[in-house]
Amino acid sequence: MVILSGTLQAIAYTSFTEPAGLYPAGISGLSRLTSNVLLDYWNINIPYSVFYFSINLILAIIVFKYIGKWFTCLSLLQTSIVSLLTLYLKPIIILDEPLLLAVFGGVINGLSSGLALEFNASTGGLDFLTIYFSNKYNKSLWSYTFGFNCLLVLAAGVIYGWEVACYSIIFQFCTTQLIKKMHKRYTHQTITIITKKPKEVTSKILSHTRHGITEINAVGTYKREDEKILYTVVNSFQTNDVVNSALIGDPNCFINIQNTVDVRGNYYQKPLD
């Protein structure tokens, strides 16, 4: 999946962003802008891939011990594939409309990032920093990444024209939205379970997750029967496992699932490695 992710990102670059003159998100966009400025204004030809891999390597060294060794190694594999393929991969031109190139290029690029993140890797660059701060603050920070990308595009707009900048923002917006939909690690859900078999339910749940469960005494007002309310907060990607485990422990239990805006305090976050 990491190899596929790198291939998709290289295709998004060579067949969508480059033909349309767009600037992709993060380090990809920064590398392309730097390479173009050096060539156009100082006649210095340094390929995009050189900047892309060098910056990723520096960031990987900085965050290596904070976000996991295996995660960092897989991310560097992904960026290495992108660097090589952008040098040798011939573009596949199927569209010539800038708006369509921006939308579909952004979707392919977002799919690339989402695949990498789903399989404990990333596309490097700003992903390294976003994952680091998301781990630190235990919340999704992809919207801040989009803010940085907008500033990058504004710089490109000043240098190369606002039409390119506007299409680049569309490209980056599509990428960011797809990543937010696919990457559930830093989004949370609250699960409330009402059951008469709390021991069986908690036993099944705790066999699949390390999150704590709070047990509360309750009374069902319809039949005036004693019940237990089990309350827990988990990462969104763990929700199905927790619900299925609860139903195995008590097929007749009642389960309510709610989106959680933020989590503070003593919350266990599963390590990347």
C-alpha atoms as a PDB file:
ATOM      1  CA  MET A   1       0.000   0.000   0.000  1.00  0.00           C
ATOM      2  CA  VAL A   2       2.894   2.377   0.681  1.00  0.00           C
ATOM      3  CA  ILE A   3       4.353   1.614  -2.758  1.00  0.00           C
ATOM      4  CA  LEU A   4       0.935   2.199  -4.326  1.00  0.00           C
ATOM      5  CA  SER A   5       0.659   5.463  -2.389  1.00  0.00           C
ATOM      6  CA  GLY A   6       3.999   6.687  -3.750  1.00  0.00           C
ATOM      7  CA  THR A   7       3.015   5.695  -7.299  1.00  0.00           C
ATOM      8  CA  LEU A   8      -0.310   7.542  -7.085  1.00  0.00           C
ATOM      9  CA  GLN A   9       1.370  10.669  -5.747  1.00  0.00           C
ATOM     10  CA  ALA A  10       3.918  10.607  -8.576  1.00  0.00           C
ATOM     11  CA  ILE A  11       1.084  10.256 -11.114  1.00  0.00           C
ATOM     12  CA  ALA A  12      -0.776  13.159  -9.498  1.00  0.00           C
ATOM     13  CA  TYR A  13       2.360  15.275  -9.873  1.00  0.00           C
ATOM     14  CA  THR A  14       3.473  14.299 -13.400  1.00  0.00           C
ATOM     15  CA  SER A  15       0.029  13.966 -15.027  1.00  0.00           C
ATOM     16  CA  PHE A  16      -2.030  16.607 -13.206  1.00  0.00           C
ATOM     17  CA  THR A  17      -0.140  19.299 -11.308  1.00  0.00           C
ATOM     18  CA  GLU A  18       2.786  19.705 -13.717  1.00  0.00           C
ATOM     19  CA  PRO A  19       0.727  19.920 -16.951  1.00  0.00           C
ATOM     20  CA  ALA A  20      -1.595  22.472 -15.326  1.00  0.00           C
ATOM     21  CA  GLY A  21       1.247  24.373 -13.671  1.00  0.00           C
ATOM     22  CA  LEU A  22      -0.290  23.781 -10.225  1.00  0.00           C
ATOM     23  CA  TYR A  23       1.480  23.792  -6.887  1.00  0.00           C
ATOM     24  CA  PRO A  24       0.667  20.747  -4.729  1.00  0.00           C
ATOM     25  CA  ALA A  25       0.430  20.791  -0.955  1.00  0.00           C
ATOM     26  CA  GLY A  26       3.193  20.922   1.615  1.00  0.00           C
ATOM     27  CA  ILE A  27       6.766  20.045   0.817  1.00  0.00           C
ATOM     28  CA  SER A  28       5.780  18.972  -2.710  1.00  0.00           C
ATOM     29  CA  GLY A  29       4.566  22.485  -3.476  1.00  0.00           C
ATOM     30  CA  LEU A  30       7.502  24.131  -1.718  1.00  0.00           C
ATOM     31  CA  SER A  31       9.944  21.948  -3.679  1.00  0.00           C
ATOM     32  CA  ARG A  32       8.265  22.702  -7.000  1.00  0.00           C
ATOM     33  CA  LEU A  33       8.134  26.443  -6.283  1.00  0.00           C
ATOM     34  CA  THR A  34      11.804  26.528  -5.221  1.00  0.00           C
ATOM     35  CA  SER A  35      12.902  24.548  -8.285  1.00  0.00           C
ATOM     36  CA  ASN A  36      10.902  26.782 -10.645  1.00  0.00           C
ATOM     37  CA  VAL A  37      12.116  30.046  -9.096  1.00  0.00           C
ATOM     38  CA  LEU A  38      15.772  28.975  -9.266  1.00  0.00           C
ATOM     39  CA  LEU A  39      15.382  27.971 -12.911  1.00  0.00           C
ATOM     40  CA  ASP A  40      13.332  30.960 -14.062  1.00  0.00           C
ATOM     41  CA  TYR A  41      15.177  33.725 -12.202  1.00  0.00           C
ATOM     42  CA  TRP A  42      18.737  32.419 -11.721  1.00  0.00           C
ATOM     43  CA  ASN A  43      18.944  29.761 -14.460  1.00  0.00           C
ATOM     44  CA  ILE A  44      19.874  27.126 -11.855  1.00  0.00           C
ATOM     45  CA  ASN A  45      18.374  23.760 -12.770  1.00  0.00           C
ATOM     46  CA  ILE A  46      17.865  21.601  -9.676  1.00  0.00           C
ATOM     47  CA  PRO A  47      15.153  18.948 -10.129  1.00  0.00           C
ATOM     48  CA  TYR A  48      12.059  19.007  -7.940  1.00  0.00           C
ATOM     49  CA  SER A  49      12.866  15.512  -6.613  1.00  0.00           C
ATOM     50  CA  VAL A  50      16.182  16.662  -5.123  1.00  0.00           C
ATOM     51  CA  PHE A  51      14.498  19.315  -2.965  1.00  0.00           C
ATOM     52  CA  TYR A  52      11.597  16.996  -2.163  1.00  0.00           C
ATOM     53  CA  PHE A  53      13.715  14.130  -0.854  1.00  0.00           C
ATOM     54  CA  SER A  54      16.257  16.359   0.938  1.00  0.00           C
ATOM     55  CA  ILE A  55      13.639  18.295   2.921  1.00  0.00           C
ATOM     56  CA  ASN A  56      11.803  15.077   3.805  1.00  0.00           C
ATOM     57  CA  LEU A  57      15.017  13.481   5.020  1.00  0.00           C
ATOM     58  CA  ILE A  58      15.794  16.466   7.274  1.00  0.00           C
ATOM     59  CA  LEU A  59      12.274  16.453   8.773  1.00  0.00           C
ATOM     60  CA  ALA A  60      12.418  12.673   9.240  1.00  0.00           C
ATOM     61  CA  ILE A  61      15.637  12.985  11.244  1.00  0.00           C
ATOM     62  CA  ILE A  62      14.073  15.707  13.440  1.00  0.00           C
ATOM     63  CA  VAL A  63      10.896  13.757  14.339  1.00  0.00           C
ATOM     64  CA  PHE A  64      12.342  10.218  14.150  1.00  0.00           C
ATOM     65  CA  LYS A  65      12.226   9.415  17.859  1.00  0.00           C
ATOM     66  CA  TYR A  66       8.875  11.112  18.465  1.00  0.00           C
ATOM     67  CA  ILE A  67       6.591   9.465  15.879  1.00  0.00           C
ATOM     68  CA  GLY A  68       7.999   5.938  15.593  1.00  0.00           C
ATOM     69  CA  LYS A  69      10.908   4.333  13.759  1.00  0.00           C
ATOM     70  CA  TRP A  70       8.861   2.024  11.551  1.00  0.00           C
ATOM     71  CA  PHE A  71       6.460   4.832  10.672  1.00  0.00           C
ATOM     72  CA  THR A  72       9.373   7.070   9.676  1.00  0.00           C
ATOM     73  CA  CYS A  73      11.058   4.354   7.597  1.00  0.00           C
ATOM     74  CA  LEU A  74       7.844   3.584   5.694  1.00  0.00           C
ATOM     75  CA  SER A  75       7.321   7.295   5.101  1.00  0.00           C
ATOM     76  CA  LEU A  76      10.829   7.647   3.684  1.00  0.00           C
ATOM     77  CA  LEU A  77      10.132   4.656   1.426  1.00  0.00           C
ATOM     78  CA  GLN A  78       7.047   6.460   0.143  1.00  0.00           C
ATOM     79  CA  THR A  79       8.915   9.719  -0.515  1.00  0.00           C
ATOM     80  CA  SER A  80      11.794   7.836  -2.188  1.00  0.00           C
ATOM     81  CA  ILE A  81       9.335   6.232  -4.618  1.00  0.00           C
ATOM     82  CA  VAL A  82       7.826   9.639  -5.401  1.00  0.00           C
ATOM     83  CA  SER A  83      11.281  11.175  -5.947  1.00  0.00           C
ATOM     84  CA  LEU A  84      12.369   8.436  -8.354  1.00  0.00           C
ATOM     85  CA  LEU A  85       9.124   8.178 -10.306  1.00  0.00           C
ATOM     86  CA  THR A  86       8.815  11.934 -10.856  1.00  0.00           C
ATOM     87  CA  LEU A  87      12.223  11.810 -12.546  1.00  0.00           C
ATOM     88  CA  TYR A  88      11.470   8.893 -14.888  1.00  0.00           C
ATOM     89  CA  LEU A  89       7.671   8.522 -15.109  1.00  0.00           C
ATOM     90  CA  LYS A  90       6.203   9.794 -18.377  1.00  0.00           C
ATOM     91  CA  PRO A  91       3.066  11.907 -17.898  1.00  0.00           C
ATOM     92  CA  ILE A  92      -0.291  10.391 -18.845  1.00  0.00           C
ATOM     93  CA  ILE A  93      -2.245  13.313 -20.288  1.00  0.00           C
ATOM     94  CA  ILE A  94      -5.982  12.587 -20.274  1.00  0.00           C
ATOM     95  CA  LEU A  95      -7.305  16.081 -19.463  1.00  0.00           C
ATOM     96  CA  ASP A  96      -6.418  19.592 -20.580  1.00  0.00           C
ATOM     97  CA  GLU A  97      -8.897  21.636 -18.547  1.00  0.00           C
ATOM     98  CA  PRO A  98      -7.127  23.233 -15.516  1.00  0.00           C
ATOM     99  CA  LEU A  99     -10.173  22.942 -13.247  1.00  0.00           C
ATOM    100  CA  LEU A 100     -10.573  19.212 -13.955  1.00  0.00           C
ATOM    101  CA  LEU A 101      -6.831  18.684 -13.500  1.00  0.00           C
ATOM    102  CA  ALA A 102      -7.016  20.476 -10.137  1.00  0.00           C
ATOM    103  CA  VAL A 103     -10.033  18.488  -8.878  1.00  0.00           C
ATOM    104  CA  PHE A 104      -9.033  15.011 -10.033  1.00  0.00           C
ATOM    105  CA  GLY A 105      -5.359  15.602  -9.296  1.00  0.00           C
ATOM    106  CA  GLY A 106      -6.314  16.647  -5.765  1.00  0.00           C
ATOM    107  CA  VAL A 107      -8.458  13.533  -5.326  1.00  0.00           C
ATOM    108  CA  ILE A 108      -5.635  11.223  -6.495  1.00  0.00           C
ATOM    109  CA  ASN A 109      -3.135  13.041  -4.288  1.00  0.00           C
ATOM    110  CA  GLY A 110      -5.495  12.827  -1.304  1.00  0.00           C
ATOM    111  CA  LEU A 111      -6.039   9.122  -1.953  1.00  0.00           C
ATOM    112  CA  SER A 112      -2.261   8.670  -1.976  1.00  0.00           C
ATOM    113  CA  SER A 113      -1.890  10.390   1.403  1.00  0.00           C
ATOM    114  CA  GLY A 114      -4.889   8.567   2.871  1.00  0.00           C
ATOM    115  CA  LEU A 115      -3.507   5.162   1.828  1.00  0.00           C
ATOM    116  CA  ALA A 116      -0.134   5.916   3.377  1.00  0.00           C
ATOM    117  CA  LEU A 117      -1.685   7.091   6.663  1.00  0.00           C
ATOM    118  CA  GLU A 118      -4.073   4.117   6.768  1.00  0.00           C
ATOM    119  CA  PHE A 119      -1.108   1.731   6.679  1.00  0.00           C
ATOM    120  CA  ASN A 120       1.047   3.486   9.324  1.00  0.00           C
ATOM    121  CA  ALA A 121       3.102   5.627   6.974  1.00  0.00           C
ATOM    122  CA  SER A 122       2.784   9.121   5.512  1.00  0.00           C
ATOM    123  CA  THR A 123       3.765  11.151   2.469  1.00  0.00           C
ATOM    124  CA  GLY A 124       6.462  12.827   4.553  1.00  0.00           C
ATOM    125  CA  GLY A 125       7.000  16.572   4.692  1.00  0.00           C
ATOM    126  CA  LEU A 126       4.263  18.384   6.578  1.00  0.00           C
ATOM    127  CA  ASP A 127       2.708  14.997   7.395  1.00  0.00           C
ATOM    128  CA  PHE A 128       5.654  14.396   9.722  1.00  0.00           C
ATOM    129  CA  LEU A 129       4.972  17.628  11.592  1.00  0.00           C
ATOM    130  CA  THR A 130       1.178  17.182  11.538  1.00  0.00           C
ATOM    131  CA  ILE A 131       1.439  13.635  12.934  1.00  0.00           C
ATOM    132  CA  TYR A 132       3.921  14.805  15.589  1.00  0.00           C
ATOM    133  CA  PHE A 133       1.663  17.611  16.842  1.00  0.00           C
ATOM    134  CA  SER A 134      -1.472  15.454  16.483  1.00  0.00           C
ATOM    135  CA  ASN A 135       0.185  12.880  18.744  1.00  0.00           C
ATOM    136  CA  LYS A 136       1.202  15.597  21.177  1.00  0.00           C
ATOM    137  CA  TYR A 137      -2.225  17.270  21.397  1.00  0.00           C
ATOM    138  CA  ASN A 138      -4.330  14.173  20.579  1.00  0.00           C
ATOM    139  CA  LYS A 139      -6.453  15.884  17.925  1.00  0.00           C
ATOM    140  CA  SER A 140      -6.593  16.196  14.143  1.00  0.00           C
ATOM    141  CA  LEU A 141      -4.610  19.178  12.832  1.00  0.00           C
ATOM    142  CA  TRP A 142      -5.025  18.753   9.064  1.00  0.00           C
ATOM    143  CA  SER A 143      -6.873  22.073   8.818  1.00  0.00           C
ATOM    144  CA  TYR A 144      -3.705  23.861   9.968  1.00  0.00           C
ATOM    145  CA  THR A 145      -1.800  22.079   7.212  1.00  0.00           C
ATOM    146  CA  PHE A 146      -4.302  23.457   4.716  1.00  0.00           C
ATOM    147  CA  GLY A 147      -3.657  26.945   6.118  1.00  0.00           C
ATOM    148  CA  PHE A 148       0.093  26.612   5.485  1.00  0.00           C
ATOM    149  CA  ASN A 149      -0.621  25.361   1.974  1.00  0.00           C
ATOM    150  CA  CYS A 150      -2.772  28.412   1.259  1.00  0.00           C
ATOM    151  CA  LEU A 151       0.138  30.683   2.243  1.00  0.00           C
ATOM    152  CA  LEU A 152       2.397  28.691  -0.078  1.00  0.00           C
ATOM    153  CA  VAL A 153      -0.059  29.132  -2.934  1.00  0.00           C
ATOM    154  CA  LEU A 154      -0.304  32.870  -2.263  1.00  0.00           C
ATOM    155  CA  ALA A 155       3.463  33.096  -2.702  1.00  0.00           C
ATOM    156  CA  ALA A 156       3.162  31.178  -5.981  1.00  0.00           C
ATOM    157  CA  GLY A 157       0.364  33.530  -7.032  1.00  0.00           C
ATOM    158  CA  VAL A 158       2.516  36.618  -6.453  1.00  0.00           C
ATOM    159  CA  ILE A 159       5.309  35.125  -8.571  1.00  0.00           C
ATOM    160  CA  TYR A 160       3.453  33.236 -11.312  1.00  0.00           C
ATOM    161  CA  GLY A 161      -0.074  34.642 -11.420  1.00  0.00           C
ATOM    162  CA  TRP A 162      -3.329  34.340  -9.494  1.00  0.00           C
ATOM    163  CA  GLU A 163      -5.075  31.951 -11.866  1.00  0.00           C
ATOM    164  CA  VAL A 164      -2.507  29.272 -11.074  1.00  0.00           C
ATOM    165  CA  ALA A 165      -2.859  30.053  -7.377  1.00  0.00           C
ATOM    166  CA  CYS A 166      -6.649  29.664  -7.424  1.00  0.00           C
ATOM    167  CA  TYR A 167      -6.507  26.319  -9.210  1.00  0.00           C
ATOM    168  CA  SER A 168      -3.802  25.183  -6.772  1.00  0.00           C
ATOM    169  CA  ILE A 169      -6.052  26.012  -3.803  1.00  0.00           C
ATOM    170  CA  ILE A 170      -8.794  23.854  -5.353  1.00  0.00           C
ATOM    171  CA  PHE A 171      -6.270  21.042  -5.773  1.00  0.00           C
ATOM    172  CA  GLN A 172      -5.141  21.339  -2.152  1.00  0.00           C
ATOM    173  CA  PHE A 173      -8.694  21.599  -0.813  1.00  0.00           C
ATOM    174  CA  CYS A 174      -9.664  18.329  -2.548  1.00  0.00           C
ATOM    175  CA  THR A 175      -6.537  16.667  -1.160  1.00  0.00           C
ATOM    176  CA  THR A 176      -7.165  17.854   2.410  1.00  0.00           C
ATOM    177  CA  GLN A 177     -10.840  16.848   2.406  1.00  0.00           C
ATOM    178  CA  LEU A 178     -10.057  13.321   1.243  1.00  0.00           C
ATOM    179  CA  ILE A 179      -7.335  12.916   3.884  1.00  0.00           C
ATOM    180  CA  LYS A 180      -9.721  14.081   6.626  1.00  0.00           C
ATOM    181  CA  LYS A 181     -12.320  11.552   5.459  1.00  0.00           C
ATOM    182  CA  MET A 182      -9.868   8.649   5.275  1.00  0.00           C
ATOM    183  CA  HIS A 183      -7.649   9.306   8.287  1.00  0.00           C
ATOM    184  CA  LYS A 184      -9.546   8.515  11.500  1.00  0.00           C
ATOM    185  CA  ARG A 185      -6.651   8.183  13.918  1.00  0.00           C
ATOM    186  CA  TYR A 186      -7.141  11.570  15.607  1.00  0.00           C
ATOM    187  CA  THR A 187     -10.941  11.723  15.493  1.00  0.00           C
ATOM    188  CA  HIS A 188     -12.881  10.280  18.428  1.00  0.00           C
ATOM    189  CA  GLN A 189     -16.287   8.838  19.187  1.00  0.00           C
ATOM    190  CA  THR A 190     -18.139   8.367  22.461  1.00  0.00           C
ATOM    191  CA  ILE A 191     -19.824   4.983  22.898  1.00  0.00           C
ATOM    192  CA  THR A 192     -22.582   4.552  25.497  1.00  0.00           C
ATOM    193  CA  ILE A 193     -23.821   1.012  26.148  1.00  0.00           C
ATOM    194  CA  ILE A 194     -26.851   0.075  28.279  1.00  0.00           C
ATOM    195  CA  THR A 195     -26.769  -3.576  29.323  1.00  0.00           C
ATOM    196  CA  LYS A 196     -27.729  -6.118  31.967  1.00  0.00           C
ATOM    197  CA  LYS A 197     -24.484  -8.030  31.372  1.00  0.00           C
ATOM    198  CA  PRO A 198     -21.756  -5.488  32.118  1.00  0.00           C
ATOM    199  CA  LYS A 199     -19.057  -8.048  32.971  1.00  0.00           C
ATOM    200  CA  GLU A 200     -19.480  -9.953  29.720  1.00  0.00           C
ATOM    201  CA  VAL A 201     -19.547  -6.752  27.639  1.00  0.00           C
ATOM    202  CA  THR A 202     -16.526  -5.117  29.285  1.00  0.00           C
ATOM    203  CA  SER A 203     -14.555  -8.357  29.079  1.00  0.00           C
ATOM    204  CA  LYS A 204     -15.124  -8.588  25.331  1.00  0.00           C
ATOM    205  CA  ILE A 205     -14.332  -4.912  24.726  1.00  0.00           C
ATOM    206  CA  LEU A 206     -11.140  -4.914  26.796  1.00  0.00           C
ATOM    207  CA  SER A 207      -9.865  -7.894  24.830  1.00  0.00           C
ATOM    208  CA  HIS A 208      -9.720  -5.613  21.751  1.00  0.00           C
ATOM    209  CA  THR A 209      -8.840  -2.184  23.155  1.00  0.00           C
ATOM    210  CA  ARG A 210      -6.873  -0.610  25.995  1.00  0.00           C
ATOM    211  CA  HIS A 211      -9.334   2.234  26.546  1.00  0.00           C
ATOM    212  CA  GLY A 212     -10.967   2.428  29.952  1.00  0.00           C
ATOM    213  CA  ILE A 213     -14.688   1.955  30.527  1.00  0.00           C
ATOM    214  CA  THR A 214     -16.795   3.712  33.152  1.00  0.00           C
ATOM    215  CA  GLU A 215     -19.668   1.715  34.654  1.00  0.00           C
ATOM    216  CA  ILE A 216     -22.724   3.587  36.005  1.00  0.00           C
ATOM    217  CA  ASN A 217     -25.768   2.210  37.843  1.00  0.00           C
ATOM    218  CA  ALA A 218     -29.078   2.928  36.115  1.00  0.00           C
ATOM    219  CA  VAL A 219     -32.761   1.952  36.112  1.00  0.00           C
ATOM    220  CA  GLY A 220     -34.834   1.339  32.994  1.00  0.00           C
ATOM    221  CA  THR A 221     -38.003   3.384  33.565  1.00  0.00           C
ATOM    222  CA  TYR A 222     -40.258   1.256  31.350  1.00  0.00           C
ATOM    223  CA  LYS A 223     -39.882  -2.009  33.319  1.00  0.00           C
ATOM    224  CA  ARG A 224     -38.160  -0.515  36.393  1.00  0.00           C
ATOM    225  CA  GLU A 225     -35.306  -2.986  35.943  1.00  0.00           C
ATOM    226  CA  ASP A 226     -31.717  -2.461  37.057  1.00  0.00           C
ATOM    227  CA  GLU A 227     -29.311  -1.699  34.195  1.00  0.00           C
ATOM    228  CA  LYS A 228     -25.675  -0.671  33.775  1.00  0.00           C
ATOM    229  CA  ILE A 229     -24.432   2.176  31.599  1.00  0.00           C
ATOM    230  CA  LEU A 230     -20.963   1.611  30.130  1.00  0.00           C
ATOM    231  CA  TYR A 231     -19.233   4.748  28.865  1.00  0.00           C
ATOM    232  CA  THR A 232     -16.032   4.915  26.806  1.00  0.00           C
ATOM    233  CA  VAL A 233     -14.283   7.132  24.241  1.00  0.00           C
ATOM    234  CA  VAL A 234     -12.278   5.543  21.415  1.00  0.00           C
ATOM    235  CA  ASN A 235     -10.617   6.527  18.156  1.00  0.00           C
ATOM    236  CA  SER A 236     -13.050   6.413  15.245  1.00  0.00           C
ATOM    237  CA  PHE A 237     -11.212   3.576  13.534  1.00  0.00           C
ATOM    238  CA  GLN A 238     -11.761   1.427  16.671  1.00  0.00           C
ATOM    239  CA  THR A 239     -15.516   2.005  16.899  1.00  0.00           C
ATOM    240  CA  ASN A 240     -16.631  -1.017  14.859  1.00  0.00           C
ATOM    241  CA  ASP A 241     -14.426  -3.389  16.882  1.00  0.00           C
ATOM    242  CA  VAL A 242     -15.795  -2.048  20.171  1.00  0.00           C
ATOM    243  CA  VAL A 243     -19.437  -2.232  19.017  1.00  0.00           C
ATOM    244  CA  ASN A 244     -19.063  -5.755  17.636  1.00  0.00           C
ATOM    245  CA  SER A 245     -17.378  -6.888  20.849  1.00  0.00           C
ATOM    246  CA  ALA A 246     -20.187  -5.399  22.945  1.00  0.00           C
ATOM    247  CA  LEU A 247     -22.827  -7.192  20.878  1.00  0.00           C
ATOM    248  CA  ILE A 248     -20.993 -10.484  21.337  1.00  0.00           C
ATOM    249  CA  GLY A 249     -21.024  -9.933  25.128  1.00  0.00           C
ATOM    250  CA  ASP A 250     -24.715  -8.969  25.121  1.00  0.00           C
ATOM    251  CA  PRO A 251     -26.693  -9.216  21.858  1.00  0.00           C
ATOM    252  CA  ASN A 252     -29.595  -7.340  23.525  1.00  0.00           C
ATOM    253  CA  CYS A 253     -27.610  -4.336  24.707  1.00  0.00           C
ATOM    254  CA  PHE A 254     -28.453  -0.785  23.572  1.00  0.00           C
ATOM    255  CA  ILE A 255     -25.577   1.203  21.994  1.00  0.00           C
ATOM    256  CA  ASN A 256     -25.393   4.926  21.277  1.00  0.00           C
ATOM    257  CA  ILE A 257     -22.463   6.360  19.241  1.00  0.00           C
ATOM    258  CA  GLN A 258     -21.668  10.085  19.178  1.00  0.00           C
ATOM    259  CA  ASN A 259     -18.921  12.122  17.535  1.00  0.00           C
ATOM    260  CA  THR A 260     -16.549  13.663  20.066  1.00  0.00           C
ATOM    261  CA  VAL A 261     -15.198  17.159  19.411  1.00  0.00           C
ATOM    262  CA  ASP A 262     -12.165  16.978  21.697  1.00  0.00           C
ATOM    263  CA  VAL A 263     -10.550  14.778  24.354  1.00  0.00           C
ATOM    264  CA  ARG A 264      -8.426  16.084  27.236  1.00  0.00           C
ATOM    265  CA  GLY A 265      -6.666  14.410  30.127  1.00  0.00           C
ATOM    266  CA  ASN A 266      -5.608  10.810  30.565  1.00  0.00           C
ATOM    267  CA  TYR A 267      -6.469   9.269  27.190  1.00  0.00           C
ATOM    268  CA  TYR A 268      -4.588   6.296  25.772  1.00  0.00           C
ATOM    269  CA  GLN A 269      -3.441   6.831  22.175  1.00  0.00           C
ATOM    270  CA  LYS A 270      -2.312   3.691  20.385  1.00  0.00           C
ATOM    271  CA  PRO A 271       1.348   4.137  19.293  1.00  0.00           C
ATOM    272  CA  LEU A 272       2.161   4.291  15.581  1.00  0.00           C
ATOM    273  CA  ASP A 273       4.728   1.482  15.877  1.00  0.00           C
END
